[in-house]
Amino acid sequence: MSPHFCKVGKIKPNLNKLISLTEFEKRILNFVEDINKVDYPKSFNGITI
């Protein structure tokens, strides 16, 4: 493999896009709340619930 295409050790994370743990927990909590609000029909994908 040519070292011309090697990016190991050259890519750095975008620190502006990193979020704190509390912000991550808030996003997960909001996602779970939104999922719980979804009203599924009695028959979902051919499976009667």
Protein backbone atom coordinates (compact mmCIF):
# COMPACT_ATOMS: atom_id res chain seq x y z
CA MET A 1 0.00 0.00 0.00
CA SER A 2 1.28 3.38 -0.90
CA PRO A 3 1.86 5.72 2.08
CA HIS A 4 0.38 8.44 -0.12
CA PHE A 5 -3.14 7.26 0.87
CA CYS A 6 -2.39 6.48 4.51
CA LYS A 7 -4.39 8.68 6.91
CA VAL A 8 -3.55 6.89 10.17
CA GLY A 9 -2.68 9.46 12.80
CA LYS A 10 -3.44 12.38 10.49
CA ILE A 11 -7.20 12.65 11.07
CA LYS A 12 -8.18 14.58 14.17
CA PRO A 13 -11.66 14.64 15.72
CA ASN A 14 -13.76 17.75 15.32
CA LEU A 15 -13.83 18.98 18.92
CA ASN A 16 -16.61 21.46 18.11
CA LYS A 17 -18.99 18.57 17.40
CA LEU A 18 -18.33 16.69 20.65
CA ILE A 19 -21.12 16.99 23.19
CA SER A 20 -21.15 16.59 26.93
CA LEU A 21 -22.48 13.50 28.66
CA THR A 22 -25.45 15.40 30.08
CA GLU A 23 -26.41 16.66 26.61
CA PHE A 24 -26.13 13.11 25.27
CA GLU A 25 -28.36 11.82 28.09
CA LYS A 26 -30.95 14.52 27.31
CA ARG A 27 -31.00 13.51 23.64
CA ILE A 28 -31.48 9.83 24.53
CA LEU A 29 -34.27 10.69 26.99
CA ASN A 30 -36.06 12.83 24.39
CA PHE A 31 -35.71 10.05 21.82
CA VAL A 32 -37.16 7.45 24.20
CA GLU A 33 -40.06 9.77 25.09
CA ASP A 34 -40.80 10.36 21.40
CA ILE A 35 -40.76 6.62 20.68
CA ASN A 36 -43.18 5.97 23.54
CA LYS A 37 -45.60 8.52 22.05
CA VAL A 38 -45.88 6.61 18.76
CA ASP A 39 -49.31 5.01 18.43
CA TYR A 40 -49.01 1.70 16.60
CA PRO A 41 -52.04 0.12 14.96
CA LYS A 42 -53.48 -3.15 16.33
CA SER A 43 -52.01 -5.03 13.38
CA PHE A 44 -48.37 -4.09 12.84
CA ASN A 45 -46.51 -5.72 9.91
CA GLY A 46 -49.05 -8.53 9.81
CA ILE A 47 -48.58 -9.35 13.50
CA THR A 48 -51.60 -8.88 15.73
CA ILE A 49 -50.62 -7.36 19.06
